[in-house]
């Protein structure tokens, strides 16, 4: 029988992971604000701008499966700390870039550093929280993306104006390095933590067993679809408001913080719903989120004012909050404990491939349709409808130990 961390320690762990995710998403989103003065300084064209934004997702996605495997091999504490320290170091280095190529290389390294953080965090939650609490713990952790998004738009815009884009990256990177030392010491196993001293050593499981999990391909597909929408909006909405709608940079940052605020609230509401009312029915929450996203994106594409655009973007953020919560909750509830890190890494890998593809795809669509953002939004509507179909097809089942996976193809 597995016993978990005490209540006080679970609060500490949740808080630490929450802070780490805030820093992760701030550093990731801030480039979408910083790219405006960066493009001016380095005289970047549209293609170079898209490549610079996408390069992070290329290296980040490549690191996901490896990061998950390293988490299962070396432990979540090591990988959470190493990941936070390394990506923060490369964030500092971003502020010292001297050319387009140097900036491209640093952003590639930044993605490699951040890669293990998601799977390591998922394993930390699995190790310290019982199944009936994992939906809330997971949703609280993921909701920090929205706080990071708020800071990465509103605060980053103000920092760019006050300190320049170089100062903004340098300051945020230093904060992350300091936080990594705190996480290392606080995540150290405690003598009074409620664990069984004589429990048998965890059995190592072959990585190939991941592909015997029937739903793994549906989860991968759904994650890819959700990130096409999410990162498409994150990347192009600041540029859309500033360049297309004439909103100044600081005002755009403030407006784009609104969807993140509501998304943060709904992430936690969805976690409560998953634990209390949606056990073994998680897919329906994902399907509802995808369908609502399609509706709100369509309405946004036809909005006639800045107020309506932000309103529908906010409602879409609420719908998207169901996506990630459901995906990772299914993984940490129903996948074998021995494969939690690897399964999380594989699904996140697919999502970050979408993060690399989406900015480029939307940029190409905008160019092909004579700078029409409506065409790009319509593309996202179609993607969301496909996500609804995939979500409904997901099968739910009770958690099983890895030994069951060795005998047959099993459902997550």
Protein backbone atom coordinates (compact mmCIF):
# COMPACT_ATOMS: atom_id res chain seq x y z
CA UNK A 1 0.00 0.00 0.00
CA UNK A 2 1.31 3.46 -0.97
CA UNK A 3 1.08 6.28 1.58
CA UNK A 4 1.47 9.87 0.44
CA UNK A 5 2.89 13.15 1.70
CA UNK A 6 1.37 14.93 4.68
CA UNK A 7 -1.11 17.74 4.09
CA UNK A 8 1.45 20.44 4.93
CA UNK A 9 4.00 18.94 2.57
CA UNK A 10 1.46 18.59 -0.23
CA UNK A 11 0.70 22.30 0.10
CA UNK A 12 4.42 23.10 -0.11
CA UNK A 13 4.91 20.88 -3.15
CA UNK A 14 1.87 22.35 -4.93
CA UNK A 15 3.14 25.86 -4.22
CA UNK A 16 6.62 25.11 -5.54
CA UNK A 17 5.38 23.53 -8.74
CA UNK A 18 2.96 26.43 -9.16
CA UNK A 19 5.82 28.96 -8.94
CA UNK A 20 7.91 26.91 -11.35
CA UNK A 21 5.09 26.83 -13.90
CA UNK A 22 4.58 30.59 -13.58
CA UNK A 23 8.26 31.16 -14.42
CA UNK A 24 8.09 28.61 -17.23
CA UNK A 25 5.14 30.23 -18.95
CA UNK A 26 6.37 33.79 -18.35
CA UNK A 27 9.68 33.04 -20.08
CA UNK A 28 7.83 31.27 -22.88
CA UNK A 29 5.15 33.93 -23.48
CA UNK A 30 7.35 37.00 -23.00
CA UNK A 31 9.02 36.40 -26.37
CA UNK A 32 5.69 37.16 -28.06
CA UNK A 33 5.81 40.65 -26.56
CA UNK A 34 9.57 41.06 -26.87
CA UNK A 35 9.53 40.00 -30.52
CA UNK A 36 8.12 43.39 -31.54
CA UNK A 37 11.23 45.44 -30.50
CA UNK A 38 13.51 42.47 -31.30
CA UNK A 39 12.26 42.42 -34.89
CA UNK A 40 12.88 46.14 -35.16
CA UNK A 41 16.41 45.92 -33.73
CA UNK A 42 17.54 42.98 -35.86
CA UNK A 43 15.45 43.98 -38.92
CA UNK A 44 13.62 40.65 -39.02
CA UNK A 45 11.11 39.80 -41.72
CA UNK A 46 7.91 37.82 -41.12
CA UNK A 47 9.55 34.47 -41.83
CA UNK A 48 12.42 35.13 -39.43
CA UNK A 49 9.96 36.24 -36.76
CA UNK A 50 8.01 33.01 -37.11
CA UNK A 51 11.16 30.88 -37.00
CA UNK A 52 12.42 32.66 -33.88
CA UNK A 53 9.16 32.02 -32.07
CA UNK A 54 8.92 28.41 -33.27
CA UNK A 55 12.50 27.31 -32.53
CA UNK A 56 11.78 26.98 -28.82
CA UNK A 57 9.01 24.49 -29.53
CA UNK A 58 11.25 22.41 -31.79
CA UNK A 59 13.86 21.79 -29.09
CA UNK A 60 11.27 21.66 -26.30
CA UNK A 61 9.32 18.95 -28.11
CA UNK A 62 12.46 16.95 -28.85
CA UNK A 63 13.31 17.00 -25.15
CA UNK A 64 9.89 15.77 -23.95
CA UNK A 65 10.32 11.99 -24.40
CA UNK A 66 13.91 12.16 -23.15
CA UNK A 67 12.88 14.37 -20.24
CA UNK A 68 10.16 11.90 -19.25
CA UNK A 69 12.60 8.98 -19.43
CA UNK A 70 15.19 10.91 -17.39
CA UNK A 71 12.50 11.68 -14.79
CA UNK A 72 11.66 7.99 -14.43
CA UNK A 73 15.38 7.14 -14.20
CA UNK A 74 16.87 9.93 -12.05
CA UNK A 75 13.85 11.15 -10.08
CA UNK A 76 11.49 14.10 -10.24
CA UNK A 77 13.37 16.29 -7.74
CA UNK A 78 16.57 16.22 -9.78
CA UNK A 79 14.87 16.91 -13.10
CA UNK A 80 12.56 19.68 -11.84
CA UNK A 81 15.57 21.54 -10.38
CA UNK A 82 17.93 20.98 -13.31
CA UNK A 83 15.26 22.02 -15.79
CA UNK A 84 14.37 25.26 -13.99
CA UNK A 85 18.01 26.24 -13.50
CA UNK A 86 19.04 25.57 -17.09
CA UNK A 87 16.15 27.31 -18.82
CA UNK A 88 16.56 30.32 -16.51
CA UNK A 89 20.24 30.50 -17.40
CA UNK A 90 19.39 30.57 -21.11
CA UNK A 91 16.73 33.21 -20.44
CA UNK A 92 19.48 35.43 -19.00
CA UNK A 93 21.62 34.69 -22.05
CA UNK A 94 18.73 35.79 -24.31
CA UNK A 95 19.26 39.31 -23.03
CA UNK A 96 22.86 39.23 -24.32
CA UNK A 97 22.09 38.04 -27.88
CA UNK A 98 23.95 40.05 -30.52
CA UNK A 99 22.37 38.79 -33.75
CA UNK A 100 19.45 36.85 -35.16
CA UNK A 101 21.49 33.63 -35.33
CA UNK A 102 22.76 33.94 -31.74
CA UNK A 103 19.23 34.57 -30.52
CA UNK A 104 17.98 31.58 -32.50
CA UNK A 105 20.64 29.32 -30.95
CA UNK A 106 19.94 30.53 -27.39
CA UNK A 107 16.20 30.00 -27.81
CA UNK A 108 16.91 26.46 -29.03
CA UNK A 109 18.93 25.77 -25.87
CA UNK A 110 16.17 27.36 -23.80
CA UNK A 111 13.71 24.77 -25.13
CA UNK A 112 16.07 21.91 -24.29
CA UNK A 113 16.39 23.19 -20.72
CA UNK A 114 12.67 23.50 -20.12
CA UNK A 115 11.80 20.13 -21.67
CA UNK A 116 11.92 17.89 -18.56
CA UNK A 117 9.85 20.22 -16.34
CA UNK A 118 6.37 18.99 -17.32
CA UNK A 119 6.97 15.23 -17.01
CA UNK A 120 8.98 15.72 -13.80
CA UNK A 121 6.13 17.77 -12.31
CA UNK A 122 3.55 15.14 -13.30
CA UNK A 123 5.61 12.47 -11.53
CA UNK A 124 5.93 14.67 -8.46
CA UNK A 125 2.14 14.96 -8.27
CA UNK A 126 1.67 11.23 -8.81
CA UNK A 127 4.18 10.40 -6.06
CA UNK A 128 2.71 12.74 -3.44
CA UNK A 129 -1.05 12.85 -4.01
CA UNK A 130 -3.64 10.03 -3.83
CA UNK A 131 -5.76 9.38 -6.92
CA UNK A 132 -8.82 11.23 -5.60
CA UNK A 133 -6.77 14.45 -5.19
CA UNK A 134 -4.71 14.34 -8.39
CA UNK A 135 -7.25 16.16 -10.55
CA UNK A 136 -7.18 19.20 -8.26
CA UNK A 137 -3.42 19.07 -7.76
CA UNK A 138 -2.87 18.78 -11.50
CA UNK A 139 -5.32 21.55 -12.40
CA UNK A 140 -3.82 23.90 -9.78
CA UNK A 141 -0.36 23.27 -11.21
CA UNK A 142 -1.52 23.81 -14.80
CA UNK A 143 -3.50 26.92 -13.85
CA UNK A 144 -0.17 28.62 -13.13
CA UNK A 145 0.22 28.85 -16.92
CA UNK A 146 -2.42 31.54 -16.82
CA UNK A 147 -0.62 33.51 -14.11
CA UNK A 148 2.55 33.18 -16.18
CA UNK A 149 0.54 34.32 -19.20
CA UNK A 150 -0.73 37.39 -17.33
CA UNK A 151 2.80 38.32 -16.29
CA UNK A 152 4.21 37.34 -19.68
CA UNK A 153 1.92 39.82 -21.42
CA UNK A 154 1.03 42.70 -19.09
CA UNK A 155 4.18 42.71 -16.93
CA UNK A 156 6.52 41.82 -19.78
CA UNK A 157 5.16 44.70 -21.88
CA UNK A 158 5.77 47.13 -19.01
CA UNK A 159 9.27 45.71 -18.43
CA UNK A 160 10.12 46.06 -22.11
CA UNK A 161 9.10 49.72 -22.00
CA UNK A 162 10.98 50.33 -18.72
CA UNK A 163 14.14 48.19 -19.18
CA UNK A 164 14.15 47.18 -22.83
CA UNK A 165 13.68 43.62 -24.06
CA UNK A 166 17.19 42.66 -22.93
CA UNK A 167 16.57 43.82 -19.37
CA UNK A 168 13.25 41.99 -19.26
CA UNK A 169 14.83 38.63 -20.13
CA UNK A 170 17.81 39.15 -17.81
CA UNK A 171 15.67 39.97 -14.78
CA UNK A 172 13.26 37.06 -15.29
CA UNK A 173 16.13 34.61 -15.79
CA UNK A 174 17.85 35.64 -12.55
CA UNK A 175 14.60 35.09 -10.63
CA UNK A 176 14.32 31.59 -12.09
CA UNK A 177 17.89 30.68 -11.08
CA UNK A 178 17.18 31.75 -7.50
CA UNK A 179 13.94 29.75 -7.48
CA UNK A 180 15.74 26.59 -8.66
CA UNK A 181 17.93 26.56 -5.54
CA UNK A 182 14.85 26.92 -3.34
CA UNK A 183 13.07 24.05 -5.09
CA UNK A 184 16.09 21.74 -4.69
CA UNK A 185 16.22 22.19 -0.93
CA UNK A 186 12.49 22.20 -0.23
CA UNK A 187 11.79 19.09 -2.34
CA UNK A 188 14.35 17.15 -0.32
CA UNK A 189 12.57 14.09 1.18
CA UNK A 190 11.56 14.69 4.78
CA UNK A 191 12.09 12.21 7.60
CA UNK A 192 8.48 12.58 8.71
CA UNK A 193 6.97 12.18 5.24
CA UNK A 194 4.28 9.50 5.28
CA UNK A 195 5.88 6.74 3.23
CA UNK A 196 6.32 3.06 3.92
CA UNK A 197 9.94 2.31 4.79
CA UNK A 198 9.95 -1.30 3.68
CA UNK A 199 7.96 -1.08 0.46
CA UNK A 200 9.49 -3.05 -2.41
CA UNK A 201 11.71 -1.31 -4.90
CA UNK A 202 9.74 0.07 -7.86
CA UNK A 203 9.91 -2.19 -10.85
CA UNK A 204 11.42 -0.71 -14.00
CA UNK A 205 9.16 -0.96 -17.03
CA UNK A 206 10.20 -1.10 -20.67
CA UNK A 207 9.48 2.12 -22.53
CA UNK A 208 7.87 0.13 -25.36
CA UNK A 209 4.91 -0.58 -23.06
CA UNK A 210 3.81 3.03 -23.58
CA UNK A 211 2.64 2.08 -27.04
CA UNK A 212 0.48 -0.75 -25.69
CA UNK A 213 -1.71 1.84 -23.99
CA UNK A 214 -4.68 2.12 -26.33
CA UNK A 215 -5.56 5.73 -25.55
CA UNK A 216 -2.02 7.04 -25.83
CA UNK A 217 -2.48 7.88 -29.52
CA UNK A 218 -5.78 9.67 -28.84
CA UNK A 219 -4.22 11.64 -26.01
CA UNK A 220 -1.29 12.54 -28.27
CA UNK A 221 -3.65 13.67 -31.03
CA UNK A 222 -5.81 15.70 -28.68
CA UNK A 223 -2.79 17.41 -27.15
CA UNK A 224 -1.50 18.27 -30.63
CA UNK A 225 -4.87 19.78 -31.57
CA UNK A 226 -5.24 21.77 -28.35
CA UNK A 227 -1.76 23.28 -28.68
CA UNK A 228 -2.34 24.26 -32.30
CA UNK A 229 -5.12 26.48 -30.96
CA UNK A 230 -3.38 27.61 -27.80
CA UNK A 231 0.00 28.56 -29.24
CA UNK A 232 -1.51 29.96 -32.40
CA UNK A 233 -3.40 32.49 -30.29
CA UNK A 234 -0.52 33.14 -27.88
CA UNK A 235 1.84 33.88 -30.76
CA UNK A 236 -0.31 36.00 -33.05
CA UNK A 237 -2.75 37.86 -30.80
CA UNK A 238 -0.18 40.43 -29.54
CA UNK A 239 0.90 41.13 -33.13
CA UNK A 240 -2.74 41.17 -34.28
CA UNK A 241 -3.78 43.75 -31.69
CA UNK A 242 -0.73 45.99 -32.15
CA UNK A 243 -0.24 45.80 -35.92
CA UNK A 244 -3.76 45.09 -37.17
CA UNK A 245 -5.95 46.89 -34.62
CA UNK A 246 -3.62 49.75 -33.64
CA UNK A 247 -3.53 48.99 -29.91
CA UNK A 248 -0.34 50.22 -28.17
CA UNK A 249 2.00 47.64 -26.63
CA UNK A 250 1.21 48.19 -22.94
CA UNK A 251 -2.54 48.31 -23.56
CA UNK A 252 -2.34 45.10 -25.62
CA UNK A 253 -0.47 43.41 -22.79
CA UNK A 254 -3.16 44.45 -20.32
CA UNK A 255 -6.01 43.29 -22.56
CA UNK A 256 -4.38 39.92 -23.21
CA UNK A 257 -3.99 39.36 -19.47
CA UNK A 258 -7.80 39.18 -19.08
CA UNK A 259 -8.23 35.75 -20.73
CA UNK A 260 -5.44 34.34 -18.56
CA UNK A 261 -7.19 35.52 -15.38
CA UNK A 262 -10.40 33.68 -16.25
CA UNK A 263 -8.46 30.69 -17.53
CA UNK A 264 -6.69 30.44 -14.16
CA UNK A 265 -10.02 30.33 -12.33
CA UNK A 266 -11.51 27.73 -14.65
CA UNK A 267 -8.45 25.47 -14.50
CA UNK A 268 -9.12 25.03 -10.79
CA UNK A 269 -12.88 24.66 -11.24
CA UNK A 270 -12.31 21.95 -13.84
CA UNK A 271 -9.98 20.12 -11.46
CA UNK A 272 -12.68 20.08 -8.80
CA UNK A 273 -15.21 18.81 -11.35
CA UNK A 274 -12.86 16.03 -12.43
CA UNK A 275 -12.32 14.77 -8.88
CA UNK A 276 -15.87 15.14 -7.61
CA UNK A 277 -18.17 14.45 -10.55
CA UNK A 278 -16.29 13.22 -13.63
CA UNK A 279 -14.40 10.11 -12.53
CA UNK A 280 -14.13 7.76 -15.55
CA UNK A 281 -16.01 10.37 -17.62
CA UNK A 282 -13.21 12.89 -18.07
CA UNK A 283 -13.44 12.82 -21.86
CA UNK A 284 -16.81 14.59 -21.85
CA UNK A 285 -15.29 17.64 -20.18
CA UNK A 286 -12.57 17.69 -22.84
CA UNK A 287 -15.14 17.37 -25.65
CA UNK A 288 -17.24 20.20 -24.21
CA UNK A 289 -14.17 22.42 -24.01
CA UNK A 290 -13.19 21.71 -27.62
CA UNK A 291 -16.71 22.38 -28.94
CA UNK A 292 -17.04 25.63 -26.98
CA UNK A 293 -13.62 26.70 -28.21
CA UNK A 294 -14.77 26.29 -31.82
CA UNK A 295 -17.86 28.42 -31.15
CA UNK A 296 -16.00 31.24 -29.41
CA UNK A 297 -13.23 31.32 -32.02
CA UNK A 298 -15.83 31.68 -34.76
CA UNK A 299 -17.51 34.53 -32.89
CA UNK A 300 -14.14 36.20 -32.30
CA UNK A 301 -13.29 36.06 -35.99
CA UNK A 302 -16.48 38.03 -36.70
CA UNK A 303 -16.19 40.49 -33.79
CA UNK A 304 -16.43 44.18 -34.74
CA UNK A 305 -14.74 45.80 -31.74
CA UNK A 306 -11.75 45.31 -29.44
CA UNK A 307 -14.13 44.69 -26.55
CA UNK A 308 -15.87 41.82 -28.33
CA UNK A 309 -12.57 40.34 -29.48
CA UNK A 310 -11.27 40.20 -25.91
CA UNK A 311 -14.62 38.90 -24.63
CA UNK A 312 -14.66 35.95 -27.02
CA UNK A 313 -10.93 35.35 -26.52
CA UNK A 314 -11.61 35.18 -22.77
CA UNK A 315 -14.46 32.70 -23.23
CA UNK A 316 -12.19 30.64 -25.46
CA UNK A 317 -9.57 30.64 -22.70
CA UNK A 318 -12.18 29.27 -20.32
CA UNK A 319 -12.99 26.48 -22.80
CA UNK A 320 -9.30 25.69 -23.34
CA UNK A 321 -8.78 25.31 -19.60
CA UNK A 322 -10.58 21.94 -19.84
CA UNK A 323 -8.10 20.63 -22.42
CA UNK A 324 -4.89 20.32 -20.45
CA UNK A 325 -6.58 19.51 -17.16
CA UNK A 326 -8.33 16.47 -18.59
CA UNK A 327 -5.34 15.18 -20.56
CA UNK A 328 -2.85 15.09 -17.73
CA UNK A 329 -5.43 14.02 -15.17
CA UNK A 330 -6.15 10.93 -17.29
CA UNK A 331 -2.43 10.21 -17.41
CA UNK A 332 -1.70 10.57 -13.70
CA UNK A 333 -4.89 8.77 -12.65
CA UNK A 334 -4.92 5.79 -15.01
CA UNK A 335 -1.44 5.18 -16.40
CA UNK A 336 0.98 2.87 -14.55
CA UNK A 337 2.97 4.71 -11.87
CA UNK A 338 6.19 3.43 -13.45
CA UNK A 339 5.33 5.14 -16.72
CA UNK A 340 3.84 8.43 -15.54
CA UNK A 341 6.88 10.53 -16.43
CA UNK A 342 7.36 8.86 -19.80
CA UNK A 343 3.66 9.06 -20.72
CA UNK A 344 3.50 12.73 -19.73
CA UNK A 345 6.64 13.45 -21.72
CA UNK A 346 5.34 11.69 -24.82
CA UNK A 347 2.01 13.55 -24.79
CA UNK A 348 3.72 16.88 -24.09
CA UNK A 349 6.13 16.13 -26.95
CA UNK A 350 3.17 16.05 -29.33
CA UNK A 351 1.86 19.31 -27.89
CA UNK A 352 5.14 21.10 -28.40
CA UNK A 353 5.44 19.86 -31.98
CA UNK A 354 2.15 21.69 -32.42
CA UNK A 355 3.72 24.71 -30.75
CA UNK A 356 6.42 24.69 -33.41
CA UNK A 357 3.97 24.14 -36.27
CA UNK A 358 1.19 26.52 -35.24
CA UNK A 359 2.98 29.91 -35.45
CA UNK A 360 4.39 29.03 -38.86
CA UNK A 361 1.12 27.59 -40.15
CA UNK A 362 -0.92 30.61 -39.09
CA UNK A 363 1.67 32.96 -40.52
CA UNK A 364 1.52 31.12 -43.84
CA UNK A 365 -2.30 31.23 -43.86
CA UNK A 366 -2.30 34.94 -43.10
CA UNK A 367 0.14 35.54 -45.98
CA UNK A 368 -1.71 33.33 -48.45
CA UNK A 369 -5.04 35.05 -47.76
CA UNK A 370 -3.74 38.60 -48.21
CA UNK A 371 -2.97 39.30 -44.55
CA UNK A 372 -6.39 38.01 -43.45
CA UNK A 373 -6.46 37.00 -39.79
CA UNK A 374 -10.03 35.76 -40.28
CA UNK A 375 -8.69 32.91 -42.40
CA UNK A 376 -6.30 31.95 -39.59
CA UNK A 377 -9.12 32.05 -37.03
CA UNK A 378 -11.32 29.87 -39.26
CA UNK A 379 -8.49 27.34 -39.46
CA UNK A 380 -8.46 27.21 -35.64
CA UNK A 381 -12.24 26.69 -35.59
CA UNK A 382 -11.86 23.61 -37.81
CA UNK A 383 -9.07 22.29 -35.59
CA UNK A 384 -11.24 22.70 -32.48
CA UNK A 385 -14.08 20.74 -34.13
CA UNK A 386 -11.64 17.92 -34.89
CA UNK A 387 -10.61 18.00 -31.23
CA UNK A 388 -14.23 17.45 -30.20
CA UNK A 389 -14.39 14.25 -32.26
CA UNK A 390 -11.10 12.94 -30.84
CA UNK A 391 -12.13 13.70 -27.25
CA UNK A 392 -15.41 11.78 -27.56
CA UNK A 393 -13.51 8.73 -28.86
CA UNK A 394 -11.26 8.51 -25.76
CA UNK A 395 -11.98 5.50 -23.53
CA UNK A 396 -11.70 5.73 -19.76
CA UNK A 397 -10.70 2.93 -17.43
CA UNK A 398 -9.39 2.30 -13.93
CA UNK A 399 -5.70 2.58 -13.16
CA UNK A 400 -3.71 -0.63 -13.60
CA UNK A 401 -0.18 -1.63 -12.59
CA UNK A 402 2.42 -1.90 -15.30
CA UNK A 403 2.49 -5.70 -15.09
CA UNK A 404 -0.97 -5.77 -16.67
CA UNK A 405 0.45 -3.88 -19.64
CA UNK A 406 3.00 -6.59 -20.17
CA UNK A 407 0.25 -9.08 -20.99
CA UNK A 408 -2.05 -7.17 -23.31
CA UNK A 409 -2.93 -3.86 -24.88
CA UNK A 410 -4.55 -1.82 -22.12
CA UNK A 411 -6.61 1.34 -21.91
CA UNK A 412 -5.38 4.35 -19.94
